[in-house]
Amino acid sequence: MRELSIRSGRAFVIVFAVNNEQSFYEAQTLWNLITKIKGFDGAPVVVVGNKVDLDRERVVSFQRAQNWVDTDMSNASYLETSAKYNINVGELFKQLLIRTYGLANNEMHSQSVKAPSGARGRLKSLGNIMEVVRRKSFSLAQAASCSAIPDHPDIRDQKCCIL
């Protein structure tokens, strides 16, 4: 089942918990399987270190994960999130869309993008999706200004939104 999903996948999100060493190893194993099936440059990938809200329990450092992505992956980016508090979840989807469709930020918001008629609708939809992601997301920079993340009014009632 996993191999079938990889064969038909056009882009991948590989997620591990920053507080779980085993999940980091499993992410590396999954990357090896993707490269075996799709080839090294076969599809865009976003690697996600999740659970950054559990910083005291962290066992996988940002630098270690970033080094893995930089060293072993040519078509990938790395970012850290907290799905629980919706931190950088929007950025995750933004990175995935940019890598999948090869669009720069200005192309997503531009009204003057020239594309074949079928692609125009997709570009417009992509721009609409990106606007929703931008409005709903919560960045790590915003989280850093919160004294106590669970009680901060900006994120207390937010939930992770999957498009």
N, C-alpha and C. Protein backbone atom coordinates (compact mmCIF):
# COMPACT_ATOMS: atom_id res chain seq x y z
N MET A 1 0.83 -1.19 0.00
CA MET A 1 0.00 0.00 0.00
C MET A 1 0.87 1.25 0.00
N ARG A 2 1.89 1.28 0.85
CA ARG A 2 2.77 2.44 0.93
C ARG A 2 3.49 2.65 -0.41
N GLU A 3 4.00 1.56 -1.00
CA GLU A 3 4.71 1.68 -2.27
C GLU A 3 3.79 2.16 -3.38
N LEU A 4 2.55 1.72 -3.39
CA LEU A 4 1.58 2.18 -4.38
C LEU A 4 1.32 3.67 -4.23
N SER A 5 1.19 4.12 -3.00
CA SER A 5 0.99 5.56 -2.76
C SER A 5 2.19 6.37 -3.22
N ILE A 6 3.37 5.86 -3.00
CA ILE A 6 4.58 6.57 -3.43
C ILE A 6 4.65 6.61 -4.95
N ARG A 7 4.34 5.49 -5.61
CA ARG A 7 4.36 5.45 -7.07
C ARG A 7 3.43 6.49 -7.68
N SER A 8 2.27 6.65 -7.10
CA SER A 8 1.28 7.58 -7.67
C SER A 8 1.40 9.00 -7.11
N GLY A 9 2.24 9.20 -6.10
CA GLY A 9 2.38 10.52 -5.49
C GLY A 9 3.14 11.50 -6.36
N ARG A 10 2.72 12.76 -6.34
CA ARG A 10 3.40 13.82 -7.09
C ARG A 10 4.26 14.69 -6.18
N ALA A 11 3.99 14.66 -4.89
CA ALA A 11 4.76 15.42 -3.90
C ALA A 11 4.58 14.72 -2.56
N PHE A 12 5.55 14.94 -1.66
CA PHE A 12 5.52 14.23 -0.39
C PHE A 12 5.83 15.15 0.77
N VAL A 13 5.18 14.88 1.88
CA VAL A 13 5.48 15.52 3.15
C VAL A 13 5.94 14.40 4.08
N ILE A 14 7.17 14.50 4.56
CA ILE A 14 7.71 13.52 5.49
C ILE A 14 7.76 14.18 6.86
N VAL A 15 7.02 13.62 7.81
CA VAL A 15 6.88 14.24 9.13
C VAL A 15 7.51 13.35 10.19
N PHE A 16 8.24 13.97 11.08
CA PHE A 16 8.75 13.27 12.26
C PHE A 16 8.53 14.17 13.47
N ALA A 17 8.54 13.57 14.64
CA ALA A 17 8.37 14.33 15.89
C ALA A 17 9.75 14.70 16.41
N VAL A 18 9.97 15.98 16.70
CA VAL A 18 11.28 16.43 17.18
C VAL A 18 11.61 15.86 18.56
N ASN A 19 10.62 15.31 19.23
CA ASN A 19 10.85 14.72 20.55
C ASN A 19 10.92 13.19 20.50
N ASN A 20 11.11 12.63 19.29
CA ASN A 20 11.13 11.19 19.15
C ASN A 20 12.20 10.77 18.14
N GLU A 21 13.30 10.25 18.64
CA GLU A 21 14.42 9.84 17.80
C GLU A 21 14.00 8.78 16.79
N GLN A 22 13.18 7.83 17.22
CA GLN A 22 12.75 6.75 16.33
C GLN A 22 11.97 7.30 15.13
N SER A 23 11.13 8.30 15.34
CA SER A 23 10.37 8.85 14.22
C SER A 23 11.29 9.53 13.21
N PHE A 24 12.41 10.09 13.68
CA PHE A 24 13.40 10.68 12.78
C PHE A 24 14.03 9.60 11.91
N TYR A 25 14.36 8.46 12.51
CA TYR A 25 14.92 7.34 11.74
C TYR A 25 13.89 6.80 10.74
N GLU A 26 12.63 6.74 11.15
CA GLU A 26 11.58 6.28 10.25
C GLU A 26 11.39 7.24 9.08
N ALA A 27 11.55 8.53 9.32
CA ALA A 27 11.47 9.53 8.24
C ALA A 27 12.59 9.29 7.23
N GLN A 28 13.78 8.97 7.73
CA GLN A 28 14.91 8.69 6.83
C GLN A 28 14.66 7.42 6.03
N THR A 29 14.07 6.41 6.67
CA THR A 29 13.73 5.17 5.97
C THR A 29 12.69 5.44 4.89
N LEU A 30 11.71 6.26 5.20
CA LEU A 30 10.68 6.62 4.22
C LEU A 30 11.30 7.36 3.04
N TRP A 31 12.22 8.28 3.32
CA TRP A 31 12.91 8.99 2.23
C TRP A 31 13.67 8.00 1.34
N ASN A 32 14.32 7.01 1.94
CA ASN A 32 15.04 6.00 1.16
C ASN A 32 14.09 5.22 0.27
N LEU A 33 12.90 4.90 0.77
CA LEU A 33 11.90 4.19 -0.02
C LEU A 33 11.40 5.07 -1.17
N ILE A 34 11.17 6.34 -0.91
CA ILE A 34 10.73 7.26 -1.96
C ILE A 34 11.78 7.35 -3.07
N THR A 35 13.04 7.48 -2.69
CA THR A 35 14.10 7.58 -3.71
C THR A 35 14.27 6.27 -4.48
N LYS A 36 14.05 5.16 -3.81
CA LYS A 36 14.13 3.86 -4.48
C LYS A 36 13.04 3.75 -5.54
N ILE A 37 11.84 4.23 -5.23
CA ILE A 37 10.70 4.09 -6.14
C ILE A 37 10.66 5.22 -7.17
N LYS A 38 10.87 6.45 -6.74
CA LYS A 38 10.71 7.61 -7.62
C LYS A 38 12.02 8.12 -8.22
N GLY A 39 13.13 7.70 -7.67
CA GLY A 39 14.41 8.26 -8.09
C GLY A 39 14.77 9.43 -7.19
N PHE A 40 16.03 9.82 -7.22
CA PHE A 40 16.53 10.84 -6.30
C PHE A 40 15.81 12.18 -6.47
N ASP A 41 15.58 12.59 -7.71
CA ASP A 41 14.92 13.87 -7.96
C ASP A 41 13.49 13.66 -8.45
N GLY A 42 12.87 12.58 -8.02
CA GLY A 42 11.58 12.19 -8.55
C GLY A 42 10.40 13.06 -8.20
N ALA A 43 10.37 13.68 -7.05
CA ALA A 43 9.20 14.45 -6.64
C ALA A 43 9.60 15.47 -5.58
N PRO A 44 8.86 16.57 -5.50
CA PRO A 44 9.13 17.55 -4.45
C PRO A 44 8.81 16.98 -3.06
N VAL A 45 9.63 17.37 -2.09
CA VAL A 45 9.46 16.87 -0.72
C VAL A 45 9.60 18.02 0.27
N VAL A 46 8.73 18.03 1.26
CA VAL A 46 8.89 18.92 2.40
C VAL A 46 9.04 18.03 3.63
N VAL A 47 10.15 18.19 4.33
CA VAL A 47 10.40 17.43 5.55
C VAL A 47 9.98 18.32 6.71
N VAL A 48 9.20 17.75 7.63
CA VAL A 48 8.62 18.53 8.72
C VAL A 48 9.02 17.93 10.06
N GLY A 49 9.62 18.76 10.89
CA GLY A 49 9.86 18.41 12.28
C GLY A 49 8.68 18.95 13.07
N ASN A 50 7.82 18.07 13.53
CA ASN A 50 6.60 18.48 14.23
C ASN A 50 6.81 18.46 15.74
N LYS A 51 5.90 19.05 16.44
CA LYS A 51 5.86 19.12 17.91
C LYS A 51 6.91 20.08 18.47
N VAL A 52 7.15 21.20 17.79
CA VAL A 52 8.11 22.18 18.30
C VAL A 52 7.62 22.83 19.59
N ASP A 53 6.36 22.65 19.91
CA ASP A 53 5.83 23.17 21.17
C ASP A 53 6.37 22.38 22.37
N LEU A 54 6.95 21.21 22.11
CA LEU A 54 7.53 20.39 23.17
C LEU A 54 9.05 20.56 23.20
N ASP A 55 9.50 21.78 23.21
CA ASP A 55 10.92 22.10 23.10
C ASP A 55 11.76 21.46 24.19
N ARG A 56 11.24 21.37 25.40
CA ARG A 56 12.00 20.77 26.51
C ARG A 56 12.25 19.28 26.31
N GLU A 57 11.41 18.64 25.49
CA GLU A 57 11.54 17.21 25.24
C GLU A 57 12.28 16.92 23.93
N ARG A 58 12.74 17.93 23.26
CA ARG A 58 13.37 17.79 21.94
C ARG A 58 14.60 16.91 22.01
N VAL A 59 14.69 15.96 21.05
CA VAL A 59 15.87 15.11 20.94
C VAL A 59 16.52 15.23 19.56
N VAL A 60 15.79 15.76 18.58
CA VAL A 60 16.32 15.98 17.24
C VAL A 60 16.44 17.49 17.05
N SER A 61 17.67 17.98 16.94
CA SER A 61 17.88 19.43 16.81
C SER A 61 17.51 19.91 15.41
N PHE A 62 17.21 21.20 15.33
CA PHE A 62 16.92 21.82 14.04
C PHE A 62 18.10 21.61 13.10
N GLN A 63 19.30 21.86 13.59
CA GLN A 63 20.51 21.76 12.76
C GLN A 63 20.71 20.34 12.22
N ARG A 64 20.47 19.35 13.05
CA ARG A 64 20.64 17.96 12.62
C ARG A 64 19.68 17.61 11.49
N ALA A 65 18.42 17.99 11.65
CA ALA A 65 17.42 17.71 10.62
C ALA A 65 17.73 18.50 9.34
N GLN A 66 18.08 19.76 9.49
CA GLN A 66 18.42 20.60 8.33
C GLN A 66 19.62 20.03 7.59
N ASN A 67 20.62 19.57 8.32
CA ASN A 67 21.80 18.96 7.69
C ASN A 67 21.42 17.72 6.90
N TRP A 68 20.52 16.90 7.44
CA TRP A 68 20.07 15.70 6.72
C TRP A 68 19.42 16.10 5.40
N VAL A 69 18.53 17.07 5.44
CA VAL A 69 17.83 17.52 4.23
C VAL A 69 18.83 18.11 3.24
N ASP A 70 19.71 18.97 3.70
CA ASP A 70 20.69 19.61 2.82
C ASP A 70 21.65 18.60 2.19
N THR A 71 22.03 17.59 2.96
CA THR A 71 23.02 16.61 2.50
C THR A 71 22.42 15.55 1.59
N ASP A 72 21.26 15.03 1.95
CA ASP A 72 20.71 13.86 1.25
C ASP A 72 19.60 14.16 0.25
N MET A 73 19.04 15.35 0.26
CA MET A 73 17.89 15.64 -0.59
C MET A 73 18.14 16.88 -1.44
N SER A 74 17.91 16.74 -2.75
CA SER A 74 18.13 17.90 -3.61
C SER A 74 16.85 18.69 -3.86
N ASN A 75 15.72 18.05 -3.80
CA ASN A 75 14.46 18.72 -4.11
C ASN A 75 13.57 18.76 -2.86
N ALA A 76 14.15 19.19 -1.75
CA ALA A 76 13.40 19.18 -0.49
C ALA A 76 13.69 20.44 0.31
N SER A 77 12.76 20.74 1.19
CA SER A 77 12.97 21.83 2.15
C SER A 77 12.61 21.29 3.53
N TYR A 78 13.10 21.97 4.55
CA TYR A 78 12.83 21.55 5.93
C TYR A 78 12.22 22.71 6.69
N LEU A 79 11.20 22.40 7.47
CA LEU A 79 10.65 23.38 8.39
C LEU A 79 10.09 22.67 9.60
N GLU A 80 9.90 23.44 10.67
CA GLU A 80 9.38 22.87 11.91
C GLU A 80 8.00 23.45 12.19
N THR A 81 7.14 22.60 12.73
CA THR A 81 5.76 22.98 12.98
C THR A 81 5.29 22.51 14.35
N SER A 82 4.14 23.02 14.71
CA SER A 82 3.36 22.46 15.80
C SER A 82 1.94 22.33 15.27
N ALA A 83 1.55 21.12 14.92
CA ALA A 83 0.19 20.91 14.43
C ALA A 83 -0.82 21.24 15.52
N LYS A 84 -0.45 20.98 16.76
CA LYS A 84 -1.35 21.24 17.88
C LYS A 84 -1.72 22.71 17.97
N TYR A 85 -0.74 23.60 17.75
CA TYR A 85 -0.99 25.04 17.87
C TYR A 85 -0.97 25.76 16.53
N ASN A 86 -1.01 24.99 15.44
CA ASN A 86 -1.08 25.55 14.09
C ASN A 86 0.10 26.48 13.80
N ILE A 87 1.27 26.14 14.29
CA ILE A 87 2.46 26.95 14.04
C ILE A 87 3.15 26.42 12.78
N ASN A 88 3.28 27.27 11.79
CA ASN A 88 3.92 26.97 10.51
C ASN A 88 3.19 25.93 9.67
N VAL A 89 1.97 25.57 10.02
CA VAL A 89 1.22 24.61 9.22
C VAL A 89 0.90 25.22 7.85
N GLY A 90 0.52 26.48 7.84
CA GLY A 90 0.27 27.17 6.58
C GLY A 90 1.52 27.23 5.71
N GLU A 91 2.65 27.48 6.34
CA GLU A 91 3.93 27.53 5.60
C GLU A 91 4.26 26.17 5.00
N LEU A 92 3.92 25.10 5.68
CA LEU A 92 4.12 23.75 5.15
C LEU A 92 3.39 23.59 3.83
N PHE A 93 2.10 23.93 3.80
CA PHE A 93 1.32 23.79 2.58
C PHE A 93 1.81 24.75 1.50
N LYS A 94 2.22 25.93 1.89
CA LYS A 94 2.75 26.90 0.94
C LYS A 94 4.00 26.32 0.27
N GLN A 95 4.94 25.79 1.07
CA GLN A 95 6.16 25.20 0.53
C GLN A 95 5.85 24.02 -0.40
N LEU A 96 4.89 23.20 0.00
CA LEU A 96 4.52 22.05 -0.81
C LEU A 96 3.96 22.50 -2.16
N LEU A 97 3.08 23.48 -2.15
CA LEU A 97 2.49 23.98 -3.39
C LEU A 97 3.54 24.64 -4.28
N ILE A 98 4.42 25.42 -3.69
CA ILE A 98 5.47 26.07 -4.47
C ILE A 98 6.37 25.02 -5.11
N ARG A 99 6.77 24.03 -4.34
CA ARG A 99 7.66 23.00 -4.88
C ARG A 99 6.95 22.14 -5.92
N THR A 100 5.67 21.86 -5.70
CA THR A 100 4.93 21.00 -6.62
C THR A 100 4.66 21.70 -7.95
N TYR A 101 4.23 22.94 -7.89
CA TYR A 101 3.83 23.65 -9.10
C TYR A 101 4.91 24.60 -9.61
N GLY A 102 6.02 24.72 -8.90
CA GLY A 102 7.13 25.54 -9.35
C GLY A 102 6.81 27.01 -9.44
N LEU A 103 5.95 27.49 -8.57
CA LEU A 103 5.55 28.89 -8.61
C LEU A 103 6.26 29.69 -7.54
N ALA A 104 6.69 30.86 -7.88
CA ALA A 104 7.24 31.79 -6.90
C ALA A 104 6.10 32.55 -6.25
N ASN A 105 6.35 33.17 -5.11
CA ASN A 105 5.31 33.91 -4.39
C ASN A 105 4.61 34.93 -5.27
N ASN A 106 5.38 35.70 -6.06
CA ASN A 106 4.74 36.73 -6.87
C ASN A 106 3.86 36.15 -7.95
N GLU A 107 4.16 34.95 -8.43
CA GLU A 107 3.31 34.32 -9.43
C GLU A 107 1.97 33.90 -8.85
N MET A 108 1.95 33.51 -7.57
CA MET A 108 0.71 33.05 -6.97
C MET A 108 -0.28 34.20 -6.79
N HIS A 109 0.23 35.42 -6.62
CA HIS A 109 -0.64 36.55 -6.37
C HIS A 109 -0.84 37.42 -7.59
N SER A 110 -0.13 37.11 -8.67
CA SER A 110 -0.20 37.95 -9.86
C SER A 110 -1.45 37.66 -10.66
N GLN A 111 -2.09 38.72 -11.13
CA GLN A 111 -3.25 38.57 -12.00
C GLN A 111 -2.82 38.45 -13.45
N SER A 112 -1.56 38.81 -13.75
CA SER A 112 -1.11 38.86 -15.14
C SER A 112 -0.35 37.60 -15.56
N VAL A 113 -0.48 36.53 -14.82
CA VAL A 113 0.21 35.30 -15.18
C VAL A 113 -0.41 34.77 -16.47
N LYS A 114 0.42 34.56 -17.47
CA LYS A 114 -0.03 34.01 -18.74
C LYS A 114 0.09 32.50 -18.68
N ALA A 115 -1.02 31.85 -18.86
CA ALA A 115 -1.01 30.39 -18.83
C ALA A 115 -2.09 29.90 -19.77
N PRO A 116 -1.98 28.68 -20.25
CA PRO A 116 -3.05 28.12 -21.07
C PRO A 116 -4.36 28.15 -20.30
N SER A 117 -5.47 28.16 -21.03
CA SER A 117 -6.78 28.35 -20.38
C SER A 117 -7.04 27.36 -19.26
N GLY A 118 -6.68 26.09 -19.42
CA GLY A 118 -6.90 25.12 -18.36
C GLY A 118 -6.05 25.39 -17.14
N ALA A 119 -4.84 25.86 -17.38
CA ALA A 119 -3.93 26.15 -16.27
C ALA A 119 -4.32 27.43 -15.54
N ARG A 120 -4.98 28.38 -16.25
CA ARG A 120 -5.37 29.64 -15.60
C ARG A 120 -6.27 29.38 -14.40
N GLY A 121 -7.22 28.48 -14.57
CA GLY A 121 -8.12 28.15 -13.46
C GLY A 121 -7.37 27.54 -12.29
N ARG A 122 -6.40 26.69 -12.59
CA ARG A 122 -5.60 26.09 -11.52
C ARG A 122 -4.76 27.13 -10.81
N LEU A 123 -4.18 28.07 -11.57
CA LEU A 123 -3.39 29.13 -10.95
C LEU A 123 -4.26 30.01 -10.07
N LYS A 124 -5.47 30.32 -10.54
CA LYS A 124 -6.37 31.14 -9.73
C LYS A 124 -6.75 30.39 -8.46
N SER A 125 -7.06 29.11 -8.59
CA SER A 125 -7.40 28.31 -7.41
C SER A 125 -6.22 28.25 -6.45
N LEU A 126 -5.02 28.10 -6.99
CA LEU A 126 -3.83 28.05 -6.16
C LEU A 126 -3.66 29.36 -5.41
N GLY A 127 -3.89 30.48 -6.09
CA GLY A 127 -3.82 31.78 -5.42
C GLY A 127 -4.83 31.89 -4.31
N ASN A 128 -6.05 31.39 -4.54
CA ASN A 128 -7.08 31.41 -3.50
C ASN A 128 -6.69 30.54 -2.32
N ILE A 129 -6.15 29.38 -2.59
CA ILE A 129 -5.70 28.49 -1.51
C ILE A 129 -4.61 29.17 -0.70
N MET A 130 -3.67 29.80 -1.39
CA MET A 130 -2.57 30.46 -0.69
C MET A 130 -3.07 31.61 0.18
N GLU A 131 -4.11 32.31 -0.26
CA GLU A 131 -4.67 33.39 0.56
C GLU A 131 -5.28 32.82 1.84
N VAL A 132 -5.99 31.71 1.73
CA VAL A 132 -6.57 31.07 2.92
C VAL A 132 -5.46 30.61 3.85
N VAL A 133 -4.42 29.99 3.31
CA VAL A 133 -3.30 29.53 4.12
C VAL A 133 -2.65 30.70 4.83
N ARG A 134 -2.43 31.81 4.11
CA ARG A 134 -1.79 32.99 4.69
C ARG A 134 -2.61 33.54 5.85
N ARG A 135 -3.92 33.61 5.69
CA ARG A 135 -4.78 34.16 6.75
C ARG A 135 -4.86 33.24 7.95
N LYS A 136 -4.86 31.95 7.74
CA LYS A 136 -5.08 30.99 8.83
C LYS A 136 -3.80 30.56 9.54
N SER A 137 -2.65 30.79 8.94
CA SER A 137 -1.43 30.24 9.53
C SER A 137 -0.88 31.10 10.65
N PHE A 138 -0.03 30.46 11.42
CA PHE A 138 0.58 31.08 12.59
C PHE A 138 2.04 30.72 12.54
N SER A 139 2.92 31.69 12.48
CA SER A 139 4.34 31.41 12.29
C SER A 139 5.07 31.22 13.61
N LEU A 140 6.27 30.67 13.51
CA LEU A 140 7.10 30.51 14.70
C LEU A 140 7.50 31.87 15.27
N ALA A 141 7.66 32.87 14.40
CA ALA A 141 8.00 34.22 14.89
C ALA A 141 6.88 34.76 15.77
N GLN A 142 5.64 34.53 15.37
CA GLN A 142 4.51 34.96 16.20
C GLN A 142 4.49 34.16 17.50
N ALA A 143 4.80 32.87 17.42
CA ALA A 143 4.78 32.03 18.61
C ALA A 143 5.84 32.47 19.61
N ALA A 144 6.98 32.92 19.10
CA ALA A 144 8.06 33.34 19.99
C ALA A 144 7.65 34.52 20.85
N SER A 145 6.69 35.32 20.37
CA SER A 145 6.26 36.47 21.15
C SER A 145 5.20 36.11 22.19
N CYS A 146 4.74 34.88 22.17
CA CYS A 146 3.72 34.43 23.12
C CYS A 146 4.41 33.93 24.39
N SER A 147 4.01 34.44 25.52
CA SER A 147 4.66 34.02 26.76
C SER A 147 4.31 32.58 27.14
N ALA A 148 3.10 32.17 26.91
CA ALA A 148 2.70 30.79 27.20
C ALA A 148 1.83 30.33 26.04
N ILE A 149 2.36 29.54 25.17
CA ILE A 149 1.68 29.17 23.93
C ILE A 149 0.26 28.65 24.15
N PRO A 150 0.00 27.70 25.06
CA PRO A 150 -1.36 27.18 25.18
C PRO A 150 -2.38 28.23 25.60
N ASP A 151 -1.96 29.26 26.32
CA ASP A 151 -2.91 30.25 26.82
C ASP A 151 -2.99 31.51 25.97
N HIS A 152 -2.17 31.60 24.95
CA HIS A 152 -2.16 32.81 24.14
C HIS A 152 -3.45 32.89 23.33
N PRO A 153 -4.17 34.03 23.36
CA PRO A 153 -5.46 34.13 22.70
C PRO A 153 -5.39 33.96 21.18
N ASP A 154 -4.25 34.27 20.56
CA ASP A 154 -4.15 34.14 19.12
C ASP A 154 -4.20 32.70 18.65
N ILE A 155 -3.83 31.75 19.50
CA ILE A 155 -3.77 30.36 19.06
C ILE A 155 -4.60 29.40 19.88
N ARG A 156 -5.15 29.84 20.95
CA ARG A 156 -5.87 28.94 21.85
C ARG A 156 -6.97 28.17 21.12
N ASP A 157 -7.70 28.85 20.22
CA ASP A 157 -8.83 28.21 19.56
C ASP A 157 -8.52 27.76 18.13
N GLN A 158 -7.30 27.90 17.68
CA GLN A 158 -6.98 27.51 16.31
C GLN A 158 -6.77 26.01 16.23
N LYS A 159 -7.10 25.49 15.09
CA LYS A 159 -6.91 24.07 14.83
C LYS A 159 -6.14 23.94 13.52
N CYS A 160 -5.48 22.83 13.34
CA CYS A 160 -4.78 22.55 12.10
C CYS A 160 -5.81 22.37 10.98
N CYS A 161 -5.61 23.03 9.87
CA CYS A 161 -6.52 22.94 8.74
C CYS A 161 -5.83 22.23 7.60
N ILE A 162 -6.38 21.13 7.13
CA ILE A 162 -5.82 20.40 6.01
C ILE A 162 -6.64 20.71 4.79
N LEU A 163 -5.96 21.18 3.74
CA LEU A 163 -6.65 21.58 2.51
C LEU A 163 -6.87 20.40 1.61
